[in-house]
N, C-alpha and C. Protein backbone atom coordinates (compact mmCIF):
# COMPACT_ATOMS: atom_id res chain seq x y z
N MET A 1 0.85 -1.17 0.00
CA MET A 1 0.00 0.00 0.00
C MET A 1 0.90 1.24 0.00
N ALA A 2 0.66 2.12 -0.92
CA ALA A 2 1.48 3.33 -1.04
C ALA A 2 1.02 4.36 -0.01
N ARG A 3 1.98 5.06 0.57
CA ARG A 3 1.67 6.10 1.56
C ARG A 3 1.61 7.45 0.86
N THR A 4 0.69 8.25 1.29
CA THR A 4 0.60 9.60 0.74
C THR A 4 1.15 10.60 1.74
N LYS A 5 1.81 11.64 1.24
CA LYS A 5 2.36 12.67 2.11
C LYS A 5 1.30 13.72 2.38
N LEU A 6 1.33 14.24 3.60
CA LEU A 6 0.41 15.31 3.96
C LEU A 6 0.89 16.62 3.35
N LEU A 7 -0.05 17.41 2.92
CA LEU A 7 0.29 18.71 2.37
C LEU A 7 0.57 19.69 3.50
N LYS A 8 1.56 20.53 3.32
CA LYS A 8 1.86 21.53 4.33
C LYS A 8 0.99 22.75 4.11
N GLU A 9 0.47 23.29 5.21
CA GLU A 9 -0.35 24.49 5.15
C GLU A 9 0.42 25.66 5.74
N ASP A 10 0.13 26.84 5.22
CA ASP A 10 0.75 28.03 5.76
C ASP A 10 0.23 28.29 7.17
N LYS A 11 1.12 28.75 8.06
CA LYS A 11 0.71 29.09 9.42
C LYS A 11 0.26 30.55 9.44
N THR A 12 -0.86 30.78 10.10
CA THR A 12 -1.38 32.13 10.23
C THR A 12 -0.84 32.74 11.52
N VAL A 13 -0.19 33.88 11.40
CA VAL A 13 0.35 34.56 12.57
C VAL A 13 -0.64 35.64 12.98
N ILE A 14 -1.08 35.56 14.22
CA ILE A 14 -2.06 36.51 14.74
C ILE A 14 -1.31 37.57 15.54
N SER A 15 -1.53 38.84 15.20
CA SER A 15 -0.87 39.89 15.97
C SER A 15 -1.60 40.07 17.30
N THR A 16 -0.83 40.21 18.36
CA THR A 16 -1.40 40.33 19.70
C THR A 16 -1.10 41.71 20.27
N PHE A 17 -1.63 41.98 21.45
CA PHE A 17 -1.38 43.25 22.11
C PHE A 17 0.05 43.29 22.65
N THR A 18 0.64 44.47 22.64
CA THR A 18 1.95 44.66 23.24
C THR A 18 1.78 44.81 24.75
N ASP A 19 2.88 44.75 25.49
CA ASP A 19 2.82 44.92 26.94
C ASP A 19 2.28 46.30 27.31
N GLN A 20 2.64 47.31 26.53
CA GLN A 20 2.16 48.66 26.81
C GLN A 20 0.65 48.77 26.58
N GLU A 21 0.15 48.12 25.54
CA GLU A 21 -1.28 48.15 25.26
C GLU A 21 -2.07 47.44 26.36
N ILE A 22 -1.55 46.33 26.83
CA ILE A 22 -2.22 45.60 27.92
C ILE A 22 -2.23 46.43 29.19
N ALA A 23 -1.12 47.12 29.48
CA ALA A 23 -1.07 47.98 30.67
C ALA A 23 -2.12 49.08 30.58
N LYS A 24 -2.30 49.67 29.40
CA LYS A 24 -3.31 50.72 29.22
C LYS A 24 -4.72 50.16 29.42
N ILE A 25 -4.95 48.95 28.93
CA ILE A 25 -6.27 48.33 29.09
C ILE A 25 -6.55 48.07 30.56
N ILE A 26 -5.56 47.56 31.28
CA ILE A 26 -5.75 47.28 32.71
C ILE A 26 -5.98 48.57 33.48
N GLU A 27 -5.26 49.63 33.13
CA GLU A 27 -5.43 50.91 33.82
C GLU A 27 -6.81 51.53 33.57
N ALA A 28 -7.45 51.15 32.49
CA ALA A 28 -8.76 51.72 32.16
C ALA A 28 -9.84 51.26 33.13
N TYR A 29 -9.65 50.14 33.79
CA TYR A 29 -10.64 49.61 34.74
C TYR A 29 -10.26 50.02 36.15
N ASP A 30 -11.28 50.34 36.96
CA ASP A 30 -11.06 50.63 38.37
C ASP A 30 -11.87 49.63 39.19
N PHE A 31 -11.82 49.77 40.49
CA PHE A 31 -12.55 48.84 41.35
C PHE A 31 -13.81 49.48 41.93
N LYS A 32 -14.39 50.46 41.21
CA LYS A 32 -15.59 51.13 41.71
C LYS A 32 -16.83 50.27 41.56
N THR A 33 -16.86 49.41 40.56
CA THR A 33 -18.00 48.51 40.40
C THR A 33 -17.49 47.08 40.28
N TYR A 34 -18.39 46.16 40.56
CA TYR A 34 -18.03 44.75 40.47
C TYR A 34 -17.59 44.38 39.06
N LEU A 35 -18.32 44.88 38.06
CA LEU A 35 -18.01 44.54 36.67
C LEU A 35 -16.62 45.03 36.26
N ASN A 36 -16.27 46.24 36.65
CA ASN A 36 -14.94 46.76 36.34
C ASN A 36 -13.85 45.95 37.04
N ALA A 37 -14.09 45.59 38.29
CA ALA A 37 -13.11 44.79 39.03
C ALA A 37 -12.94 43.42 38.38
N ARG A 38 -14.06 42.81 38.00
CA ARG A 38 -14.01 41.49 37.35
C ARG A 38 -13.23 41.56 36.05
N ASN A 39 -13.52 42.56 35.23
CA ASN A 39 -12.84 42.68 33.93
C ASN A 39 -11.35 42.92 34.11
N LYS A 40 -10.98 43.73 35.09
CA LYS A 40 -9.56 44.01 35.34
C LYS A 40 -8.82 42.74 35.74
N VAL A 41 -9.43 41.94 36.59
CA VAL A 41 -8.80 40.69 37.03
C VAL A 41 -8.69 39.72 35.87
N ILE A 42 -9.72 39.62 35.04
CA ILE A 42 -9.68 38.70 33.90
C ILE A 42 -8.55 39.08 32.95
N ILE A 43 -8.41 40.36 32.66
CA ILE A 43 -7.34 40.80 31.75
C ILE A 43 -5.97 40.63 32.39
N ALA A 44 -5.88 40.88 33.70
CA ALA A 44 -4.59 40.79 34.38
C ALA A 44 -4.06 39.35 34.42
N ILE A 45 -4.95 38.36 34.58
CA ILE A 45 -4.49 36.98 34.68
C ILE A 45 -4.42 36.27 33.33
N GLN A 46 -4.88 36.91 32.27
CA GLN A 46 -4.88 36.28 30.94
C GLN A 46 -3.52 35.76 30.52
N PRO A 47 -2.41 36.49 30.74
CA PRO A 47 -1.10 35.94 30.33
C PRO A 47 -0.74 34.65 31.05
N LEU A 48 -1.39 34.36 32.19
CA LEU A 48 -1.13 33.12 32.91
C LEU A 48 -1.79 31.91 32.26
N ASP A 49 -2.71 32.16 31.35
CA ASP A 49 -3.42 31.09 30.65
C ASP A 49 -2.43 30.40 29.70
N VAL A 50 -2.19 29.12 29.92
CA VAL A 50 -1.18 28.41 29.13
C VAL A 50 -1.79 27.45 28.12
N ARG A 51 -3.10 27.54 27.88
CA ARG A 51 -3.72 26.67 26.89
C ARG A 51 -3.21 27.04 25.51
N ASN A 52 -3.00 26.04 24.68
CA ASN A 52 -2.55 26.28 23.31
C ASN A 52 -3.61 25.91 22.32
């Protein structure tokens, strides 16, 4: 039985936020409301997410 080779596909590179942009986003939220506090924490811990 002959084996077939898999075709190579181009990898798509997704541009992400810079460290400065993330800092500005985090600074935009304060702890005056629950929703702002929640959003700030979610954005702050996002770099800890190691899922690929």
